């Protein structure tokens, strides 16, 4: 129920980091998030209800595999909730910040992209990744530069990910 309340609140308040349905300050602490890391909310729905999903970010860097969602029926009763928002190790967050700051410099970005293959020359961004909630592998987290390859004859390909040195990262998160 706490997940649904937080997700619902984050999607419908003008100051999501500051209040909740219960009037609590810093509602993310209700569900174990030490600092509010909500990067945005998406609400999809129709006559049968709606789904509210939160995106996670740390210092503006997207955390791809984290999830927080609630599915609500048309009376706003929760029918399904999910929350997986693991702690990202401090050294991984620090490396992501440094990687992102480096690529914010246009000269550094050009030099970095020169290391990447031809199909990875489009727009990209630094993201944090971690082992998914359904993985049976030990927990892992990393910062990568992710690029959507140009569409081919069969549509878009998979996201291409690279480490800070420009090496391909093929981890299945």
N, C-alpha and C. Protein backbone atom coordinates (compact mmCIF):
# COMPACT_ATOMS: atom_id res chain seq x y z
N UNK A 1 0.81 -1.19 0.00
CA UNK A 1 0.00 0.00 0.00
C UNK A 1 0.86 1.26 0.00
N UNK A 2 2.01 1.22 0.70
CA UNK A 2 2.88 2.39 0.73
C UNK A 2 3.39 2.74 -0.66
N UNK A 3 3.71 1.72 -1.46
CA UNK A 3 4.18 1.99 -2.82
C UNK A 3 3.10 2.72 -3.60
N UNK A 4 1.87 2.21 -3.55
CA UNK A 4 0.78 2.84 -4.29
C UNK A 4 0.59 4.28 -3.84
N UNK A 5 0.62 4.54 -2.55
CA UNK A 5 0.43 5.90 -2.05
C UNK A 5 1.53 6.82 -2.54
N UNK A 6 2.77 6.36 -2.49
CA UNK A 6 3.89 7.18 -2.94
C UNK A 6 3.82 7.40 -4.44
N UNK A 7 3.60 6.34 -5.21
CA UNK A 7 3.53 6.47 -6.66
C UNK A 7 2.39 7.39 -7.05
N UNK A 8 1.23 7.19 -6.46
CA UNK A 8 0.07 8.03 -6.76
C UNK A 8 0.37 9.48 -6.42
N UNK A 9 0.95 9.71 -5.26
CA UNK A 9 1.27 11.06 -4.83
C UNK A 9 2.29 11.71 -5.76
N UNK A 10 3.35 10.99 -6.10
CA UNK A 10 4.39 11.55 -6.94
C UNK A 10 3.86 11.96 -8.30
N UNK A 11 2.84 11.28 -8.78
CA UNK A 11 2.33 11.58 -10.11
C UNK A 11 1.32 12.72 -10.10
N UNK A 12 0.82 13.07 -8.93
CA UNK A 12 -0.30 14.01 -8.93
C UNK A 12 -0.08 15.26 -8.09
N UNK A 13 1.10 15.46 -7.56
CA UNK A 13 1.34 16.65 -6.76
C UNK A 13 2.30 17.60 -7.47
N UNK A 14 2.18 18.86 -7.19
CA UNK A 14 3.06 19.84 -7.83
C UNK A 14 4.43 19.86 -7.17
N UNK A 15 4.55 19.31 -5.99
CA UNK A 15 5.84 19.24 -5.29
C UNK A 15 6.07 17.83 -4.80
N UNK A 16 6.29 16.86 -5.72
CA UNK A 16 6.31 15.46 -5.32
C UNK A 16 7.35 15.08 -4.30
N UNK A 17 8.43 15.81 -4.22
CA UNK A 17 9.47 15.43 -3.28
C UNK A 17 9.17 15.93 -1.87
N UNK A 18 8.13 16.76 -1.73
CA UNK A 18 7.89 17.41 -0.45
C UNK A 18 6.63 16.98 0.30
N UNK A 19 5.70 16.29 -0.34
CA UNK A 19 4.50 15.92 0.40
C UNK A 19 3.93 14.61 -0.12
N UNK A 20 3.09 14.00 0.69
CA UNK A 20 2.47 12.75 0.31
C UNK A 20 0.99 12.80 0.63
N UNK A 21 0.28 11.72 0.32
CA UNK A 21 -1.15 11.65 0.64
C UNK A 21 -1.40 11.77 2.14
N UNK A 22 -0.45 11.35 2.92
CA UNK A 22 -0.60 11.39 4.37
C UNK A 22 -0.07 12.68 4.97
N UNK A 23 0.45 13.58 4.12
CA UNK A 23 1.00 14.84 4.61
C UNK A 23 2.42 14.72 5.10
N UNK A 24 3.04 13.56 4.96
CA UNK A 24 4.42 13.37 5.40
C UNK A 24 5.37 14.20 4.57
N UNK A 25 6.37 14.73 5.19
CA UNK A 25 7.45 15.39 4.46
C UNK A 25 8.36 14.30 3.94
N UNK A 26 8.93 14.50 2.79
CA UNK A 26 9.85 13.54 2.19
C UNK A 26 9.22 12.14 2.11
N UNK A 27 8.18 11.98 1.31
CA UNK A 27 7.46 10.70 1.27
C UNK A 27 8.30 9.52 0.81
N UNK A 28 9.37 9.74 0.09
CA UNK A 28 10.17 8.61 -0.37
C UNK A 28 10.74 7.82 0.79
N UNK A 29 10.97 8.47 1.92
CA UNK A 29 11.50 7.75 3.08
C UNK A 29 10.53 6.69 3.57
N UNK A 30 9.26 6.83 3.25
CA UNK A 30 8.25 5.86 3.64
C UNK A 30 8.55 4.48 3.08
N UNK A 31 9.16 4.44 1.89
CA UNK A 31 9.42 3.16 1.25
C UNK A 31 10.90 2.85 1.16
N UNK A 32 11.70 3.49 1.98
CA UNK A 32 13.10 3.11 2.10
C UNK A 32 14.05 3.81 1.16
N UNK A 33 13.63 4.85 0.50
CA UNK A 33 14.52 5.61 -0.37
C UNK A 33 15.05 6.76 0.46
N UNK A 34 16.37 6.77 0.71
CA UNK A 34 16.93 7.74 1.64
C UNK A 34 16.81 9.18 1.15
N UNK A 35 17.00 9.41 -0.12
CA UNK A 35 16.81 10.74 -0.70
C UNK A 35 15.93 10.57 -1.92
N UNK A 36 15.01 11.47 -2.09
CA UNK A 36 14.05 11.30 -3.18
C UNK A 36 14.77 11.34 -4.52
N UNK A 37 14.66 10.28 -5.27
CA UNK A 37 15.34 10.14 -6.55
C UNK A 37 14.34 9.97 -7.69
N UNK A 38 13.21 10.61 -7.58
CA UNK A 38 12.20 10.50 -8.61
C UNK A 38 12.58 11.43 -9.76
N UNK A 39 12.83 10.84 -10.92
CA UNK A 39 13.22 11.61 -12.09
C UNK A 39 12.04 12.03 -12.93
N UNK A 40 10.89 11.44 -12.70
CA UNK A 40 9.69 11.79 -13.45
C UNK A 40 8.61 10.76 -13.22
N UNK A 41 7.42 11.08 -13.67
CA UNK A 41 6.28 10.17 -13.54
C UNK A 41 5.56 10.09 -14.86
N UNK A 42 5.04 8.90 -15.15
CA UNK A 42 4.25 8.69 -16.36
C UNK A 42 2.93 8.07 -15.95
N UNK A 43 1.84 8.64 -16.44
CA UNK A 43 0.51 8.12 -16.14
C UNK A 43 -0.13 7.71 -17.44
N UNK A 44 -0.54 6.44 -17.52
CA UNK A 44 -1.25 5.91 -18.69
C UNK A 44 -2.55 5.33 -18.19
N UNK A 45 -3.61 5.55 -18.93
CA UNK A 45 -4.86 4.95 -18.49
C UNK A 45 -6.01 5.21 -19.43
N UNK A 46 -7.12 4.65 -19.04
CA UNK A 46 -8.36 4.76 -19.78
C UNK A 46 -9.51 4.45 -18.87
N UNK A 47 -10.60 3.96 -19.42
CA UNK A 47 -11.81 3.72 -18.65
C UNK A 47 -11.64 2.58 -17.64
N UNK A 48 -10.67 1.69 -17.85
CA UNK A 48 -10.47 0.56 -16.94
C UNK A 48 -9.54 0.85 -15.79
N UNK A 49 -8.98 2.03 -15.74
CA UNK A 49 -8.04 2.38 -14.69
C UNK A 49 -6.80 3.03 -15.27
N UNK A 50 -5.73 3.01 -14.49
CA UNK A 50 -4.50 3.63 -14.96
C UNK A 50 -3.29 2.99 -14.31
N UNK A 51 -2.17 3.23 -14.95
CA UNK A 51 -0.89 2.79 -14.43
C UNK A 51 -0.03 4.03 -14.23
N UNK A 52 0.59 4.11 -13.09
CA UNK A 52 1.48 5.22 -12.76
C UNK A 52 2.86 4.63 -12.53
N UNK A 53 3.84 5.12 -13.27
CA UNK A 53 5.20 4.61 -13.15
C UNK A 53 6.14 5.77 -12.85
N UNK A 54 7.09 5.52 -11.99
CA UNK A 54 8.11 6.52 -11.66
C UNK A 54 9.43 6.13 -12.27
N UNK A 55 10.12 7.12 -12.80
CA UNK A 55 11.49 6.93 -13.30
C UNK A 55 12.44 7.39 -12.19
N UNK A 56 13.56 6.70 -12.06
CA UNK A 56 14.54 7.02 -11.05
C UNK A 56 15.73 7.71 -11.67
N UNK A 57 16.27 8.69 -10.97
CA UNK A 57 17.52 9.30 -11.39
C UNK A 57 18.31 9.69 -10.15
N UNK A 58 19.62 9.72 -10.30
CA UNK A 58 20.52 10.16 -9.25
C UNK A 58 21.31 11.32 -9.83
N UNK A 59 21.13 12.48 -9.25
CA UNK A 59 21.79 13.70 -9.75
C UNK A 59 21.54 13.91 -11.24
N UNK A 60 20.33 13.62 -11.69
CA UNK A 60 19.97 13.81 -13.09
C UNK A 60 20.41 12.69 -14.01
N UNK A 61 21.03 11.65 -13.48
CA UNK A 61 21.46 10.50 -14.28
C UNK A 61 20.44 9.39 -14.12
N UNK A 62 19.84 8.99 -15.23
CA UNK A 62 18.81 7.96 -15.23
C UNK A 62 19.33 6.64 -14.66
N UNK A 63 18.50 5.97 -13.86
CA UNK A 63 18.81 4.63 -13.34
C UNK A 63 17.82 3.70 -14.04
N UNK A 64 18.31 3.02 -15.08
CA UNK A 64 17.44 2.33 -16.03
C UNK A 64 16.60 1.20 -15.45
N UNK A 65 17.14 0.36 -14.62
CA UNK A 65 16.41 -0.84 -14.20
C UNK A 65 15.57 -0.67 -12.94
N UNK A 66 15.70 0.44 -12.25
CA UNK A 66 14.87 0.66 -11.06
C UNK A 66 13.42 0.85 -11.49
N UNK A 67 12.51 0.39 -10.64
CA UNK A 67 11.10 0.54 -10.99
C UNK A 67 10.25 0.82 -9.77
N UNK A 68 9.22 1.60 -9.99
CA UNK A 68 8.19 1.86 -8.99
C UNK A 68 6.92 2.12 -9.80
N UNK A 69 5.90 1.29 -9.57
CA UNK A 69 4.66 1.49 -10.32
C UNK A 69 3.48 1.04 -9.48
N UNK A 70 2.33 1.55 -9.86
CA UNK A 70 1.06 1.10 -9.29
C UNK A 70 0.04 1.07 -10.41
N UNK A 71 -0.74 0.00 -10.44
CA UNK A 71 -1.87 -0.10 -11.37
C UNK A 71 -3.12 0.09 -10.52
N UNK A 72 -3.96 1.01 -10.96
CA UNK A 72 -5.16 1.35 -10.22
C UNK A 72 -6.39 1.08 -11.08
N UNK A 73 -7.46 0.58 -10.44
CA UNK A 73 -8.71 0.40 -11.19
C UNK A 73 -9.40 1.76 -11.30
N UNK A 74 -10.60 1.77 -11.88
CA UNK A 74 -11.26 3.06 -12.10
C UNK A 74 -11.81 3.68 -10.81
N UNK A 75 -11.69 2.99 -9.66
CA UNK A 75 -12.02 3.60 -8.36
C UNK A 75 -10.75 3.96 -7.59
N UNK A 76 -9.61 3.99 -8.28
CA UNK A 76 -8.30 4.30 -7.69
C UNK A 76 -7.89 3.30 -6.61
N UNK A 77 -8.33 2.05 -6.72
CA UNK A 77 -7.89 0.99 -5.83
C UNK A 77 -6.73 0.27 -6.50
N UNK A 78 -5.68 0.02 -5.75
CA UNK A 78 -4.50 -0.64 -6.29
C UNK A 78 -4.82 -2.08 -6.68
N UNK A 79 -4.44 -2.45 -7.89
CA UNK A 79 -4.60 -3.84 -8.34
C UNK A 79 -3.25 -4.51 -8.48
N UNK A 80 -2.19 -3.74 -8.55
CA UNK A 80 -0.84 -4.28 -8.68
C UNK A 80 0.15 -3.18 -8.35
N UNK A 81 1.22 -3.56 -7.68
CA UNK A 81 2.28 -2.61 -7.34
C UNK A 81 3.62 -3.29 -7.49
N UNK A 82 4.62 -2.52 -7.80
CA UNK A 82 5.97 -3.04 -7.88
C UNK A 82 6.97 -1.99 -7.47
N UNK A 83 8.00 -2.42 -6.77
CA UNK A 83 9.04 -1.50 -6.33
C UNK A 83 10.36 -2.24 -6.25
N UNK A 84 11.33 -1.79 -7.03
CA UNK A 84 12.69 -2.31 -6.96
C UNK A 84 13.61 -1.12 -7.16
N UNK A 85 14.23 -0.66 -6.11
CA UNK A 85 14.98 0.58 -6.07
C UNK A 85 16.22 0.35 -5.21
N UNK A 86 17.12 -0.54 -5.64
CA UNK A 86 18.25 -0.91 -4.78
C UNK A 86 19.25 0.24 -4.61
N UNK A 87 20.01 0.14 -3.55
CA UNK A 87 21.08 1.11 -3.30
C UNK A 87 22.15 0.93 -4.37
N UNK A 88 22.53 2.03 -4.99
CA UNK A 88 23.61 2.01 -5.97
C UNK A 88 24.89 2.35 -5.19
N UNK A 89 25.93 1.51 -5.30
CA UNK A 89 27.17 1.79 -4.55
C UNK A 89 27.71 3.19 -4.84
N UNK A 90 28.22 3.83 -3.80
CA UNK A 90 28.71 5.21 -3.91
C UNK A 90 29.79 5.36 -4.98
N UNK A 91 30.68 4.37 -5.13
CA UNK A 91 31.73 4.49 -6.14
C UNK A 91 31.15 4.47 -7.55
N UNK A 92 30.05 3.75 -7.75
CA UNK A 92 29.41 3.71 -9.07
C UNK A 92 28.74 5.06 -9.37
N UNK A 93 28.08 5.63 -8.36
CA UNK A 93 27.46 6.94 -8.53
C UNK A 93 28.52 8.00 -8.80
N UNK A 94 29.63 7.94 -8.07
CA UNK A 94 30.73 8.89 -8.28
C UNK A 94 31.29 8.78 -9.69
N UNK A 95 31.47 7.56 -10.18
CA UNK A 95 32.00 7.39 -11.54
C UNK A 95 30.99 7.87 -12.58
N UNK A 96 29.70 7.67 -12.32
CA UNK A 96 28.68 8.15 -13.25
C UNK A 96 28.68 9.67 -13.32
N UNK A 97 28.81 10.32 -12.17
CA UNK A 97 28.85 11.79 -12.14
C UNK A 97 30.06 12.30 -12.94
N UNK A 98 31.22 11.68 -12.72
CA UNK A 98 32.44 12.11 -13.42
C UNK A 98 32.32 11.87 -14.92
N UNK A 99 31.79 10.72 -15.31
CA UNK A 99 31.59 10.37 -16.72
C UNK A 99 30.65 11.38 -17.37
N UNK A 100 29.54 11.68 -16.70
CA UNK A 100 28.56 12.62 -17.23
C UNK A 100 29.16 14.03 -17.35
N UNK A 101 29.90 14.45 -16.34
CA UNK A 101 30.53 15.79 -16.36
C UNK A 101 31.55 15.87 -17.48
N UNK A 102 32.31 14.82 -17.68
CA UNK A 102 33.31 14.81 -18.76
C UNK A 102 32.64 14.97 -20.12
N UNK A 103 31.56 14.21 -20.35
CA UNK A 103 30.90 14.26 -21.66
C UNK A 103 30.06 15.51 -21.86
N UNK A 104 29.88 16.31 -20.81
CA UNK A 104 29.18 17.59 -20.96
C UNK A 104 30.05 18.60 -21.71
N UNK A 105 31.36 18.36 -21.73
CA UNK A 105 32.29 19.21 -22.48
C UNK A 105 32.26 18.76 -23.94
N UNK A 106 31.86 19.62 -24.87
CA UNK A 106 31.73 19.24 -26.28
C UNK A 106 33.01 18.62 -26.87
N UNK A 107 34.17 19.13 -26.49
CA UNK A 107 35.43 18.59 -26.99
C UNK A 107 35.64 17.16 -26.49
N UNK A 108 35.36 16.93 -25.23
CA UNK A 108 35.48 15.59 -24.64
C UNK A 108 34.48 14.62 -25.28
N UNK A 109 33.28 15.10 -25.55
CA UNK A 109 32.26 14.25 -26.18
C UNK A 109 32.70 13.81 -27.57
N UNK A 110 33.24 14.74 -28.35
CA UNK A 110 33.73 14.39 -29.70
C UNK A 110 34.85 13.36 -29.60
N UNK A 111 35.79 13.57 -28.68
CA UNK A 111 36.90 12.63 -28.52
C UNK A 111 36.39 11.26 -28.07
N UNK A 112 35.41 11.24 -27.18
CA UNK A 112 34.85 9.97 -26.71
C UNK A 112 34.13 9.24 -27.84
N UNK A 113 33.29 9.96 -28.58
CA UNK A 113 32.51 9.32 -29.65
C UNK A 113 33.42 8.80 -30.77
N UNK A 114 34.61 9.37 -30.90
CA UNK A 114 35.56 8.88 -31.91
C UNK A 114 36.01 7.45 -31.59
N UNK A 115 35.89 7.04 -30.33
CA UNK A 115 36.26 5.68 -29.92
C UNK A 115 35.15 4.67 -30.23
N UNK A 116 33.94 5.15 -30.49
CA UNK A 116 32.77 4.27 -30.64
C UNK A 116 32.59 3.83 -32.09
N UNK A 117 31.92 2.70 -32.30
CA UNK A 117 31.67 2.24 -33.67
C UNK A 117 30.73 3.17 -34.42
N UNK A 118 30.70 3.02 -35.73
CA UNK A 118 29.91 3.90 -36.59
C UNK A 118 28.43 3.91 -36.22
N UNK A 119 27.87 2.77 -35.82
CA UNK A 119 26.45 2.74 -35.50
C UNK A 119 26.12 3.31 -34.12
N UNK A 120 27.13 3.82 -33.42
CA UNK A 120 26.93 4.42 -32.10
C UNK A 120 27.26 5.90 -32.09
N UNK A 121 27.13 6.56 -33.22
CA UNK A 121 27.48 7.98 -33.32
C UNK A 121 26.31 8.91 -33.05
N UNK A 122 25.11 8.36 -32.85
CA UNK A 122 23.95 9.20 -32.57
C UNK A 122 24.00 9.78 -31.17
N UNK A 123 22.91 10.45 -30.82
CA UNK A 123 22.82 11.03 -29.49
C UNK A 123 22.78 9.93 -28.44
N UNK A 124 23.44 10.18 -27.34
CA UNK A 124 23.45 9.23 -26.25
C UNK A 124 23.46 9.96 -24.92
N UNK A 125 23.47 9.17 -23.87
CA UNK A 125 23.54 9.77 -22.53
C UNK A 125 24.12 8.77 -21.55
N UNK A 126 24.68 9.31 -20.48
CA UNK A 126 25.20 8.47 -19.41
C UNK A 126 24.01 7.99 -18.58
N UNK A 127 23.98 6.69 -18.32
CA UNK A 127 22.95 6.07 -17.49
C UNK A 127 23.60 5.20 -16.43
N UNK A 128 22.89 5.01 -15.35
CA UNK A 128 23.27 4.02 -14.36
C UNK A 128 22.44 2.77 -14.64
N UNK A 129 23.07 1.62 -14.51
CA UNK A 129 22.39 0.34 -14.68
C UNK A 129 22.67 -0.50 -13.45
N UNK A 130 21.73 -1.39 -13.14
CA UNK A 130 21.96 -2.37 -12.07
C UNK A 130 21.22 -3.65 -12.42
N UNK A 131 21.59 -4.70 -11.75
CA UNK A 131 20.96 -5.99 -11.96
C UNK A 131 19.45 -5.84 -11.76
N UNK A 132 18.67 -6.44 -12.66
CA UNK A 132 17.22 -6.30 -12.59
C UNK A 132 16.64 -7.10 -11.43
N UNK A 133 15.41 -6.79 -11.11
CA UNK A 133 14.73 -7.47 -10.00
C UNK A 133 14.51 -8.96 -10.27
N UNK A 134 14.48 -9.35 -11.53
CA UNK A 134 14.23 -10.76 -11.87
C UNK A 134 15.51 -11.56 -12.09
N UNK A 135 16.66 -10.91 -11.98
CA UNK A 135 17.93 -11.60 -12.22
C UNK A 135 18.28 -12.53 -11.07
N UNK A 136 18.91 -13.63 -11.42
CA UNK A 136 19.43 -14.54 -10.40
C UNK A 136 20.94 -14.34 -10.20
N UNK A 137 21.51 -13.41 -10.96
CA UNK A 137 22.94 -13.10 -10.84
C UNK A 137 23.20 -12.24 -9.61
N UNK A 138 24.43 -12.25 -9.11
CA UNK A 138 24.76 -11.35 -8.00
C UNK A 138 24.55 -9.90 -8.42
N UNK A 139 24.24 -9.04 -7.44
CA UNK A 139 23.98 -7.64 -7.75
C UNK A 139 25.21 -6.99 -8.37
N UNK A 140 24.99 -6.22 -9.41
CA UNK A 140 26.05 -5.45 -10.07
C UNK A 140 25.45 -4.12 -10.51
N UNK A 141 26.29 -3.10 -10.58
CA UNK A 141 25.86 -1.78 -11.03
C UNK A 141 27.01 -1.14 -11.79
N UNK A 142 26.67 -0.32 -12.78
CA UNK A 142 27.69 0.34 -13.60
C UNK A 142 27.12 1.58 -14.27
N UNK A 143 28.01 2.49 -14.62
CA UNK A 143 27.64 3.66 -15.42
C UNK A 143 28.04 3.37 -16.85
N UNK A 144 27.14 3.64 -17.79
CA UNK A 144 27.43 3.44 -19.21
C UNK A 144 26.95 4.63 -20.02
N UNK A 145 27.51 4.75 -21.21
CA UNK A 145 27.03 5.71 -22.19
C UNK A 145 26.16 4.89 -23.14
N UNK A 146 24.88 5.22 -23.22
CA UNK A 146 23.92 4.45 -24.01
C UNK A 146 23.47 5.23 -25.24
N UNK A 147 23.44 4.51 -26.36
CA UNK A 147 23.06 5.10 -27.65
C UNK A 147 22.02 4.19 -28.31
N UNK A 148 20.99 4.79 -28.85
CA UNK A 148 20.02 4.04 -29.66
C UNK A 148 20.58 4.01 -31.08
N UNK A 149 20.79 2.82 -31.63
CA UNK A 149 21.33 2.75 -33.00
C UNK A 149 20.29 3.24 -34.02
N UNK A 150 20.75 3.65 -35.20
CA UNK A 150 19.78 4.08 -36.21
C UNK A 150 18.88 2.91 -36.60
N UNK A 151 17.62 3.20 -36.95
CA UNK A 151 16.72 2.11 -37.33
C UNK A 151 17.20 1.40 -38.59
N UNK A 152 17.06 0.10 -38.58
CA UNK A 152 17.40 -0.72 -39.75
C UNK A 152 16.12 -1.11 -40.47
N UNK A 153 16.23 -2.02 -41.42
CA UNK A 153 15.05 -2.42 -42.18
C UNK A 153 13.97 -3.10 -41.34
N UNK A 154 14.36 -3.65 -40.19
CA UNK A 154 13.39 -4.32 -39.33
C UNK A 154 13.01 -3.48 -38.11
N UNK A 155 13.37 -2.21 -38.12
CA UNK A 155 13.05 -1.32 -37.00
C UNK A 155 14.29 -1.00 -36.20
N UNK A 156 14.06 -0.50 -35.00
CA UNK A 156 15.16 -0.10 -34.13
C UNK A 156 15.87 -1.32 -33.54
N UNK A 157 17.16 -1.18 -33.34
CA UNK A 157 17.94 -2.23 -32.71
C UNK A 157 18.00 -2.03 -31.22
N UNK A 158 18.78 -2.86 -30.56
CA UNK A 158 18.95 -2.76 -29.11
C UNK A 158 19.86 -1.60 -28.76
N UNK A 159 19.67 -1.07 -27.58
CA UNK A 159 20.52 0.00 -27.09
C UNK A 159 21.96 -0.48 -27.04
N UNK A 160 22.86 0.37 -27.49
CA UNK A 160 24.30 0.09 -27.43
C UNK A 160 24.86 0.79 -26.20
N UNK A 161 25.64 0.07 -25.40
CA UNK A 161 26.18 0.62 -24.17
C UNK A 161 27.70 0.52 -24.17
N UNK A 162 28.33 1.55 -23.61
CA UNK A 162 29.79 1.64 -23.60
C UNK A 162 30.27 2.13 -22.24
N UNK A 163 31.44 1.64 -21.82
CA UNK A 163 32.01 2.11 -20.56
C UNK A 163 32.74 3.44 -20.79
N UNK A 164 33.35 3.97 -19.74
CA UNK A 164 34.01 5.27 -19.82
C UNK A 164 35.19 5.30 -20.78
N UNK A 165 35.73 4.11 -21.11
CA UNK A 165 36.85 4.04 -22.05
C UNK A 165 36.38 3.79 -23.49
N UNK A 166 35.08 3.68 -23.70
CA UNK A 166 34.55 3.45 -25.04
C UNK A 166 34.41 1.96 -25.40
N UNK A 167 34.63 1.08 -24.43
CA UNK A 167 34.50 -0.36 -24.69
C UNK A 167 33.03 -0.76 -24.60
N UNK A 168 32.63 -1.66 -25.49
CA UNK A 168 31.25 -2.13 -25.48
C UNK A 168 30.93 -2.88 -24.18
N UNK A 169 29.76 -2.61 -23.64
CA UNK A 169 29.28 -3.29 -22.44
C UNK A 169 28.08 -4.12 -22.87
N UNK A 170 28.17 -5.41 -22.67
CA UNK A 170 27.08 -6.29 -23.12
C UNK A 170 26.37 -6.98 -21.96
N UNK A 171 26.44 -6.40 -20.79
CA UNK A 171 25.79 -7.01 -19.62
C UNK A 171 24.29 -7.06 -19.83
N UNK A 172 23.71 -8.15 -19.42
CA UNK A 172 22.26 -8.29 -19.42
C UNK A 172 21.78 -7.94 -18.03
N UNK A 173 21.28 -6.76 -17.89
CA UNK A 173 20.88 -6.26 -16.57
C UNK A 173 19.64 -6.96 -16.12
